[in-house]
Amino acid sequence: MQYSKKMRKVTISIDEQTYCRARILAAERGTSLSALVRSYLQSLGSGDTEAHRARLRRVEGELRAQITRFRAADRLSRDELHDRNRPGR
């Protein structure tokens, strides 16, 4: 593989289990660990974040639609919230 850009080397530290899983994943995808990490890092700035935000907004909307009833009186009192009535305090 030839690169037209200057490539920078990066050193990372990961635990053995993560390293083994990543190597297996790279092998399953027919690529190197280096290429797998490069692809992931490139995806961080490629607009995936906007797609992720859109998914979050959609899920949030679905969850809000499931809330059929809400009353402020259903909440905990201030004392309950701060656990002030607990014995031994």
PDB file of N, CA and C in Angstrom:
ATOM      1  N   MET A   1       0.851  -1.166   0.000  1.00  0.00           N
ATOM      2  CA  MET A   1       0.000   0.000   0.000  1.00  0.00           C
ATOM      3  C   MET A   1       0.903   1.238   0.000  1.00  0.00           C
ATOM      4  N   GLN A   2       0.677   2.131  -0.916  1.00  0.00           N
ATOM      5  CA  GLN A   2       1.461   3.355  -0.985  1.00  0.00           C
ATOM      6  C   GLN A   2       0.621   4.525  -0.474  1.00  0.00           C
ATOM      7  N   TYR A   3       1.285   5.438   0.209  1.00  0.00           N
ATOM      8  CA  TYR A   3       0.605   6.602   0.741  1.00  0.00           C
ATOM      9  C   TYR A   3       1.154   7.852   0.087  1.00  0.00           C
ATOM     10  N   SER A   4       0.263   8.763  -0.251  1.00  0.00           N
ATOM     11  CA  SER A   4       0.704  10.024  -0.818  1.00  0.00           C
ATOM     12  C   SER A   4       0.981  11.045   0.281  1.00  0.00           C
ATOM     13  N   LYS A   5       0.523  10.757   1.476  1.00  0.00           N
ATOM     14  CA  LYS A   5       0.727  11.656   2.602  1.00  0.00           C
ATOM     15  C   LYS A   5       1.791  11.074   3.520  1.00  0.00           C
ATOM     16  N   LYS A   6       2.445  11.945   4.248  1.00  0.00           N
ATOM     17  CA  LYS A   6       3.393  11.490   5.247  1.00  0.00           C
ATOM     18  C   LYS A   6       2.613  10.854   6.385  1.00  0.00           C
ATOM     19  N   MET A   7       2.994   9.648   6.770  1.00  0.00           N
ATOM     20  CA  MET A   7       2.307   8.945   7.849  1.00  0.00           C
ATOM     21  C   MET A   7       3.059   9.168   9.150  1.00  0.00           C
ATOM     22  N   ARG A   8       2.313   9.351  10.220  1.00  0.00           N
ATOM     23  CA  ARG A   8       2.889   9.538  11.553  1.00  0.00           C
ATOM     24  C   ARG A   8       2.702   8.258  12.344  1.00  0.00           C
ATOM     25  N   LYS A   9       3.712   7.895  13.097  1.00  0.00           N
ATOM     26  CA  LYS A   9       3.607   6.721  13.956  1.00  0.00           C
ATOM     27  C   LYS A   9       3.102   7.158  15.318  1.00  0.00           C
ATOM     28  N   VAL A  10       2.222   6.349  15.885  1.00  0.00           N
ATOM     29  CA  VAL A  10       1.633   6.630  17.184  1.00  0.00           C
ATOM     30  C   VAL A  10       1.806   5.385  18.042  1.00  0.00           C
ATOM     31  N   THR A  11       2.179   5.576  19.275  1.00  0.00           N
ATOM     32  CA  THR A  11       2.300   4.467  20.213  1.00  0.00           C
ATOM     33  C   THR A  11       1.154   4.557  21.202  1.00  0.00           C
ATOM     34  N   ILE A  12       0.460   3.427  21.380  1.00  0.00           N
ATOM     35  CA  ILE A  12      -0.624   3.384  22.359  1.00  0.00           C
ATOM     36  C   ILE A  12      -0.373   2.230  23.314  1.00  0.00           C
ATOM     37  N   SER A  13      -0.961   2.293  24.471  1.00  0.00           N
ATOM     38  CA  SER A  13      -0.865   1.218  25.458  1.00  0.00           C
ATOM     39  C   SER A  13      -2.262   0.682  25.717  1.00  0.00           C
ATOM     40  N   ILE A  14      -2.403  -0.628  25.548  1.00  0.00           N
ATOM     41  CA  ILE A  14      -3.690  -1.282  25.809  1.00  0.00           C
ATOM     42  C   ILE A  14      -3.417  -2.589  26.539  1.00  0.00           C
ATOM     43  N   ASP A  15      -4.419  -3.082  27.240  1.00  0.00           N
ATOM     44  CA  ASP A  15      -4.245  -4.339  27.960  1.00  0.00           C
ATOM     45  C   ASP A  15      -4.225  -5.510  26.979  1.00  0.00           C
ATOM     46  N   GLU A  16      -3.740  -6.640  27.441  1.00  0.00           N
ATOM     47  CA  GLU A  16      -3.555  -7.825  26.594  1.00  0.00           C
ATOM     48  C   GLU A  16      -4.862  -8.313  25.980  1.00  0.00           C
ATOM     49  N   GLN A  17      -5.936  -8.300  26.758  1.00  0.00           N
ATOM     50  CA  GLN A  17      -7.228  -8.790  26.267  1.00  0.00           C
ATOM     51  C   GLN A  17      -7.739  -7.912  25.118  1.00  0.00           C
ATOM     52  N   THR A  18      -7.637  -6.602  25.270  1.00  0.00           N
ATOM     53  CA  THR A  18      -8.067  -5.690  24.218  1.00  0.00           C
ATOM     54  C   THR A  18      -7.217  -5.891  22.969  1.00  0.00           C
ATOM     55  N   TYR A  19      -5.920  -6.044  23.162  1.00  0.00           N
ATOM     56  CA  TYR A  19      -4.999  -6.266  22.037  1.00  0.00           C
ATOM     57  C   TYR A  19      -5.387  -7.529  21.266  1.00  0.00           C
ATOM     58  N   CYS A  20      -5.643  -8.618  21.985  1.00  0.00           N
ATOM     59  CA  CYS A  20      -6.005  -9.883  21.329  1.00  0.00           C
ATOM     60  C   CYS A  20      -7.318  -9.767  20.568  1.00  0.00           C
ATOM     61  N   ARG A  21      -8.314  -9.123  21.189  1.00  0.00           N
ATOM     62  CA  ARG A  21      -9.607  -8.957  20.500  1.00  0.00           C
ATOM     63  C   ARG A  21      -9.449  -8.113  19.245  1.00  0.00           C
ATOM     64  N   ALA A  22      -8.648  -7.052  19.346  1.00  0.00           N
ATOM     65  CA  ALA A  22      -8.440  -6.176  18.190  1.00  0.00           C
ATOM     66  C   ALA A  22      -7.713  -6.916  17.064  1.00  0.00           C
ATOM     67  N   ARG A  23      -6.718  -7.739  17.416  1.00  0.00           N
ATOM     68  CA  ARG A  23      -5.993  -8.511  16.400  1.00  0.00           C
ATOM     69  C   ARG A  23      -6.926  -9.489  15.697  1.00  0.00           C
ATOM     70  N   ILE A  24      -7.790 -10.135  16.458  1.00  0.00           N
ATOM     71  CA  ILE A  24      -8.746 -11.080  15.880  1.00  0.00           C
ATOM     72  C   ILE A  24      -9.711 -10.346  14.957  1.00  0.00           C
ATOM     73  N   LEU A  25     -10.226  -9.203  15.415  1.00  0.00           N
ATOM     74  CA  LEU A  25     -11.145  -8.414  14.590  1.00  0.00           C
ATOM     75  C   LEU A  25     -10.476  -7.978  13.294  1.00  0.00           C
ATOM     76  N   ALA A  26      -9.245  -7.517  13.389  1.00  0.00           N
ATOM     77  CA  ALA A  26      -8.517  -7.102  12.191  1.00  0.00           C
ATOM     78  C   ALA A  26      -8.343  -8.282  11.242  1.00  0.00           C
ATOM     79  N   ALA A  27      -7.994  -9.442  11.771  1.00  0.00           N
ATOM     80  CA  ALA A  27      -7.818 -10.636  10.930  1.00  0.00           C
ATOM     81  C   ALA A  27      -9.131 -11.028  10.264  1.00  0.00           C
ATOM     82  N   GLU A  28     -10.228 -10.968  11.014  1.00  0.00           N
ATOM     83  CA  GLU A  28     -11.542 -11.301  10.438  1.00  0.00           C
ATOM     84  C   GLU A  28     -11.910 -10.360   9.302  1.00  0.00           C
ATOM     85  N   ARG A  29     -11.464  -9.114   9.413  1.00  0.00           N
ATOM     86  CA  ARG A  29     -11.748  -8.127   8.366  1.00  0.00           C
ATOM     87  C   ARG A  29     -10.693  -8.116   7.272  1.00  0.00           C
ATOM     88  N   GLY A  30      -9.697  -8.972   7.411  1.00  0.00           N
ATOM     89  CA  GLY A  30      -8.655  -9.066   6.396  1.00  0.00           C
ATOM     90  C   GLY A  30      -7.764  -7.833   6.336  1.00  0.00           C
ATOM     91  N   THR A  31      -7.488  -7.251   7.477  1.00  0.00           N
ATOM     92  CA  THR A  31      -6.683  -6.040   7.525  1.00  0.00           C
ATOM     93  C   THR A  31      -5.700  -6.127   8.682  1.00  0.00           C
ATOM     94  N   SER A  32      -4.879  -5.133   8.815  1.00  0.00           N
ATOM     95  CA  SER A  32      -3.929  -5.100   9.921  1.00  0.00           C
ATOM     96  C   SER A  32      -4.526  -4.325  11.094  1.00  0.00           C
ATOM     97  N   LEU A  33      -3.930  -4.511  12.240  1.00  0.00           N
ATOM     98  CA  LEU A  33      -4.363  -3.767  13.417  1.00  0.00           C
ATOM     99  C   LEU A  33      -4.146  -2.276  13.199  1.00  0.00           C
ATOM    100  N   SER A  34      -3.041  -1.945  12.574  1.00  0.00           N
ATOM    101  CA  SER A  34      -2.730  -0.550  12.288  1.00  0.00           C
ATOM    102  C   SER A  34      -3.803   0.073  11.382  1.00  0.00           C
ATOM    103  N   ALA A  35      -4.196  -0.652  10.353  1.00  0.00           N
ATOM    104  CA  ALA A  35      -5.222  -0.151   9.434  1.00  0.00           C
ATOM    105  C   ALA A  35      -6.579  -0.043  10.134  1.00  0.00           C
ATOM    106  N   LEU A  36      -6.856  -0.974  11.033  1.00  0.00           N
ATOM    107  CA  LEU A  36      -8.117  -0.945  11.773  1.00  0.00           C
ATOM    108  C   LEU A  36      -8.185   0.311  12.656  1.00  0.00           C
ATOM    109  N   VAL A  37      -7.102   0.594  13.380  1.00  0.00           N
ATOM    110  CA  VAL A  37      -7.054   1.781  14.239  1.00  0.00           C
ATOM    111  C   VAL A  37      -7.119   3.041  13.382  1.00  0.00           C
ATOM    112  N   ARG A  38      -6.400   3.060  12.270  1.00  0.00           N
ATOM    113  CA  ARG A  38      -6.415   4.226  11.372  1.00  0.00           C
ATOM    114  C   ARG A  38      -7.831   4.497  10.872  1.00  0.00           C
ATOM    115  N   SER A  39      -8.516   3.443  10.459  1.00  0.00           N
ATOM    116  CA  SER A  39      -9.886   3.585   9.961  1.00  0.00           C
ATOM    117  C   SER A  39     -10.801   4.148  11.044  1.00  0.00           C
ATOM    118  N   TYR A  40     -10.647   3.643  12.261  1.00  0.00           N
ATOM    119  CA  TYR A  40     -11.471   4.137  13.363  1.00  0.00           C
ATOM    120  C   TYR A  40     -11.207   5.616  13.620  1.00  0.00           C
ATOM    121  N   LEU A  41      -9.946   5.991  13.687  1.00  0.00           N
ATOM    122  CA  LEU A  41      -9.609   7.388  13.960  1.00  0.00           C
ATOM    123  C   LEU A  41     -10.095   8.307  12.840  1.00  0.00           C
ATOM    124  N   GLN A  42     -10.010   7.852  11.607  1.00  0.00           N
ATOM    125  CA  GLN A  42     -10.507   8.657  10.494  1.00  0.00           C
ATOM    126  C   GLN A  42     -12.019   8.824  10.571  1.00  0.00           C
ATOM    127  N   SER A  43     -12.717   7.804  11.054  1.00  0.00           N
ATOM    128  CA  SER A  43     -14.181   7.879  11.143  1.00  0.00           C
ATOM    129  C   SER A  43     -14.632   8.897  12.178  1.00  0.00           C
ATOM    130  N   LEU A  44     -13.781   9.192  13.149  1.00  0.00           N
ATOM    131  CA  LEU A  44     -14.157  10.157  14.187  1.00  0.00           C
ATOM    132  C   LEU A  44     -14.422  11.539  13.617  1.00  0.00           C
ATOM    133  N   GLY A  45     -13.739  11.908  12.571  1.00  0.00           N
ATOM    134  CA  GLY A  45     -13.920  13.236  12.003  1.00  0.00           C
ATOM    135  C   GLY A  45     -14.637  13.250  10.679  1.00  0.00           C
ATOM    136  N   SER A  46     -15.279  12.144  10.332  1.00  0.00           N
ATOM    137  CA  SER A  46     -15.871  12.063   8.996  1.00  0.00           C
ATOM    138  C   SER A  46     -17.372  12.287   8.966  1.00  0.00           C
ATOM    139  N   GLY A  47     -17.913  12.913   9.991  1.00  0.00           N
ATOM    140  CA  GLY A  47     -19.353  13.157   9.995  1.00  0.00           C
ATOM    141  C   GLY A  47     -20.128  12.092  10.732  1.00  0.00           C
ATOM    142  N   ASP A  48     -19.464  11.027  11.179  1.00  0.00           N
ATOM    143  CA  ASP A  48     -20.154   9.995  11.938  1.00  0.00           C
ATOM    144  C   ASP A  48     -20.769  10.568  13.198  1.00  0.00           C
ATOM    145  N   THR A  49     -20.174  11.616  13.730  1.00  0.00           N
ATOM    146  CA  THR A  49     -20.710  12.198  14.951  1.00  0.00           C
ATOM    147  C   THR A  49     -22.094  12.803  14.704  1.00  0.00           C
ATOM    148  N   GLU A  50     -22.300  13.404  13.554  1.00  0.00           N
ATOM    149  CA  GLU A  50     -23.616  13.968  13.243  1.00  0.00           C
ATOM    150  C   GLU A  50     -24.651  12.856  13.093  1.00  0.00           C
ATOM    151  N   ALA A  51     -24.264  11.759  12.469  1.00  0.00           N
ATOM    152  CA  ALA A  51     -25.177  10.621  12.345  1.00  0.00           C
ATOM    153  C   ALA A  51     -25.505  10.057  13.725  1.00  0.00           C
ATOM    154  N   HIS A  52     -24.504  10.019  14.588  1.00  0.00           N
ATOM    155  CA  HIS A  52     -24.710   9.528  15.948  1.00  0.00           C
ATOM    156  C   HIS A  52     -25.675  10.440  16.701  1.00  0.00           C
ATOM    157  N   ARG A  53     -25.490  11.739  16.571  1.00  0.00           N
ATOM    158  CA  ARG A  53     -26.400  12.692  17.228  1.00  0.00           C
ATOM    159  C   ARG A  53     -27.826  12.539  16.711  1.00  0.00           C
ATOM    160  N   ALA A  54     -27.963  12.308  15.417  1.00  0.00           N
ATOM    161  CA  ALA A  54     -29.301  12.126  14.839  1.00  0.00           C
ATOM    162  C   ALA A  54     -29.957  10.879  15.415  1.00  0.00           C
ATOM    163  N   ARG A  55     -29.185   9.801  15.572  1.00  0.00           N
ATOM    164  CA  ARG A  55     -29.731   8.576  16.177  1.00  0.00           C
ATOM    165  C   ARG A  55     -30.148   8.835  17.616  1.00  0.00           C
ATOM    166  N   LEU A  56     -29.323   9.576  18.351  1.00  0.00           N
ATOM    167  CA  LEU A  56     -29.668   9.892  19.739  1.00  0.00           C
ATOM    168  C   LEU A  56     -30.952  10.708  19.826  1.00  0.00           C
ATOM    169  N   ARG A  57     -31.104  11.679  18.932  1.00  0.00           N
ATOM    170  CA  ARG A  57     -32.330  12.487  18.928  1.00  0.00           C
ATOM    171  C   ARG A  57     -33.546  11.626  18.621  1.00  0.00           C
ATOM    172  N   ARG A  58     -33.399  10.683  17.689  1.00  0.00           N
ATOM    173  CA  ARG A  58     -34.507   9.803  17.338  1.00  0.00           C
ATOM    174  C   ARG A  58     -34.895   8.921  18.524  1.00  0.00           C
ATOM    175  N   VAL A  59     -33.893   8.339  19.188  1.00  0.00           N
ATOM    176  CA  VAL A  59     -34.159   7.484  20.344  1.00  0.00           C
ATOM    177  C   VAL A  59     -34.780   8.300  21.467  1.00  0.00           C
ATOM    178  N   GLU A  60     -34.271   9.508  21.692  1.00  0.00           N
ATOM    179  CA  GLU A  60     -34.836  10.372  22.728  1.00  0.00           C
ATOM    180  C   GLU A  60     -36.311  10.654  22.441  1.00  0.00           C
ATOM    181  N   GLY A  61     -36.627  10.940  21.195  1.00  0.00           N
ATOM    182  CA  GLY A  61     -38.015  11.188  20.820  1.00  0.00           C
ATOM    183  C   GLY A  61     -38.893   9.976  21.062  1.00  0.00           C
ATOM    184  N   GLU A  62     -38.361   8.792  20.749  1.00  0.00           N
ATOM    185  CA  GLU A  62     -39.122   7.559  20.981  1.00  0.00           C
ATOM    186  C   GLU A  62     -39.360   7.335  22.471  1.00  0.00           C
ATOM    187  N   LEU A  63     -38.344   7.604  23.286  1.00  0.00           N
ATOM    188  CA  LEU A  63     -38.504   7.446  24.730  1.00  0.00           C
ATOM    189  C   LEU A  63     -39.505   8.445  25.296  1.00  0.00           C
ATOM    190  N   ARG A  64     -39.433   9.681  24.827  1.00  0.00           N
ATOM    191  CA  ARG A  64     -40.397  10.691  25.296  1.00  0.00           C
ATOM    192  C   ARG A  64     -41.823  10.298  24.930  1.00  0.00           C
ATOM    193  N   ALA A  65     -41.999   9.686  23.771  1.00  0.00           N
ATOM    194  CA  ALA A  65     -43.335   9.271  23.343  1.00  0.00           C
ATOM    195  C   ALA A  65     -43.891   8.176  24.241  1.00  0.00           C
ATOM    196  N   GLN A  66     -43.021   7.424  24.885  1.00  0.00           N
ATOM    197  CA  GLN A  66     -43.464   6.343  25.764  1.00  0.00           C
ATOM    198  C   GLN A  66     -43.937   6.855  27.128  1.00  0.00           C
ATOM    199  N   ILE A  67     -43.568   8.079  27.472  1.00  0.00           N
ATOM    200  CA  ILE A  67     -43.999   8.654  28.756  1.00  0.00           C
ATOM    201  C   ILE A  67     -45.435   9.125  28.597  1.00  0.00           C
ATOM    202  N   THR A  68     -46.323   8.448  29.260  1.00  0.00           N
ATOM    203  CA  THR A  68     -47.744   8.781  29.093  1.00  0.00           C
ATOM    204  C   THR A  68     -48.260   9.692  30.199  1.00  0.00           C
ATOM    205  N   ARG A  69     -47.604   9.676  31.363  1.00  0.00           N
ATOM    206  CA  ARG A  69     -48.093  10.468  32.480  1.00  0.00           C
ATOM    207  C   ARG A  69     -46.906  10.883  33.328  1.00  0.00           C
ATOM    208  N   PHE A  70     -46.886  12.142  33.701  1.00  0.00           N
ATOM    209  CA  PHE A  70     -45.848  12.646  34.587  1.00  0.00           C
ATOM    210  C   PHE A  70     -46.456  13.712  35.481  1.00  0.00           C
ATOM    211  N   ARG A  71     -46.232  13.553  36.782  1.00  0.00           N
ATOM    212  CA  ARG A  71     -46.687  14.556  37.740  1.00  0.00           C
ATOM    213  C   ARG A  71     -45.520  14.901  38.641  1.00  0.00           C
ATOM    214  N   ALA A  72     -45.340  16.183  38.907  1.00  0.00           N
ATOM    215  CA  ALA A  72     -44.261  16.617  39.786  1.00  0.00           C
ATOM    216  C   ALA A  72     -44.438  16.033  41.186  1.00  0.00           C
ATOM    217  N   ALA A  73     -45.666  15.794  41.595  1.00  0.00           N
ATOM    218  CA  ALA A  73     -45.939  15.250  42.926  1.00  0.00           C
ATOM    219  C   ALA A  73     -45.440  13.813  43.059  1.00  0.00           C
ATOM    220  N   ASP A  74     -45.172  13.149  41.942  1.00  0.00           N
ATOM    221  CA  ASP A  74     -44.670  11.780  41.980  1.00  0.00           C
ATOM    222  C   ASP A  74     -43.193  11.722  42.364  1.00  0.00           C
ATOM    223  N   ARG A  75     -42.545  12.870  42.380  1.00  0.00           N
ATOM    224  CA  ARG A  75     -41.120  12.905  42.702  1.00  0.00           C
ATOM    225  C   ARG A  75     -40.886  12.745  44.198  1.00  0.00           C
ATOM    226  N   LEU A  76     -39.646  12.543  44.565  1.00  0.00           N
ATOM    227  CA  LEU A  76     -39.267  12.441  45.969  1.00  0.00           C
ATOM    228  C   LEU A  76     -39.306  13.815  46.618  1.00  0.00           C
ATOM    229  N   SER A  77     -39.575  13.816  47.932  1.00  0.00           N
ATOM    230  CA  SER A  77     -39.489  15.074  48.662  1.00  0.00           C
ATOM    231  C   SER A  77     -38.015  15.434  48.801  1.00  0.00           C
ATOM    232  N   ARG A  78     -37.744  16.647  49.225  1.00  0.00           N
ATOM    233  CA  ARG A  78     -36.360  17.077  49.384  1.00  0.00           C
ATOM    234  C   ARG A  78     -35.641  16.216  50.417  1.00  0.00           C
ATOM    235  N   ASP A  79     -36.329  15.919  51.534  1.00  0.00           N
ATOM    236  CA  ASP A  79     -35.728  15.075  52.566  1.00  0.00           C
ATOM    237  C   ASP A  79     -35.445  13.675  52.038  1.00  0.00           C
ATOM    238  N   GLU A  80     -36.387  13.122  51.262  1.00  0.00           N
ATOM    239  CA  GLU A  80     -36.165  11.801  50.688  1.00  0.00           C
ATOM    240  C   GLU A  80     -35.008  11.828  49.691  1.00  0.00           C
ATOM    241  N   LEU A  81     -34.953  12.866  48.926  1.00  0.00           N
ATOM    242  CA  LEU A  81     -33.902  12.996  47.931  1.00  0.00           C
ATOM    243  C   LEU A  81     -32.529  12.988  48.577  1.00  0.00           C
ATOM    244  N   HIS A  82     -32.408  13.693  49.692  1.00  0.00           N
ATOM    245  CA  HIS A  82     -31.120  13.789  50.364  1.00  0.00           C
ATOM    246  C   HIS A  82     -30.982  12.746  51.467  1.00  0.00           C
ATOM    247  N   ASP A  83     -31.941  11.836  51.532  1.00  0.00           N
ATOM    248  CA  ASP A  83     -31.902  10.714  52.456  1.00  0.00           C
ATOM    249  C   ASP A  83     -31.745  11.193  53.899  1.00  0.00           C
ATOM    250  N   ARG A  84     -32.461  12.258  54.267  1.00  0.00           N
ATOM    251  CA  ARG A  84     -32.315  12.866  55.584  1.00  0.00           C
ATOM    252  C   ARG A  84     -33.077  12.120  56.673  1.00  0.00           C
ATOM    253  N   ASN A  85     -34.007  11.294  56.285  1.00  0.00           N
ATOM    254  CA  ASN A  85     -34.811  10.597  57.289  1.00  0.00           C
ATOM    255  C   ASN A  85     -34.241   9.220  57.625  1.00  0.00           C
ATOM    256  N   ARG A  86     -33.091   8.902  57.088  1.00  0.00           N
ATOM    257  CA  ARG A  86     -32.524   7.579  57.310  1.00  0.00           C
ATOM    258  C   ARG A  86     -32.003   7.470  58.748  1.00  0.00           C
ATOM    259  N   PRO A  87     -32.339   6.392  59.441  1.00  0.00           N
ATOM    260  CA  PRO A  87     -31.858   6.192  60.818  1.00  0.00           C
ATOM    261  C   PRO A  87     -30.329   6.142  60.834  1.00  0.00           C
ATOM    262  N   GLY A  88     -29.756   6.669  61.920  1.00  0.00           N
ATOM    263  CA  GLY A  88     -28.313   6.623  62.074  1.00  0.00           C
ATOM    264  C   GLY A  88     -27.589   7.803  61.460  1.00  0.00           C
ATOM    265  N   ARG A  89     -28.325   8.782  61.009  1.00  0.00           N
ATOM    266  CA  ARG A  89     -27.685   9.955  60.411  1.00  0.00           C
ATOM    267  C   ARG A  89     -27.706  11.090  61.356  1.00  0.00           C
TER     268      ARG A  89
END
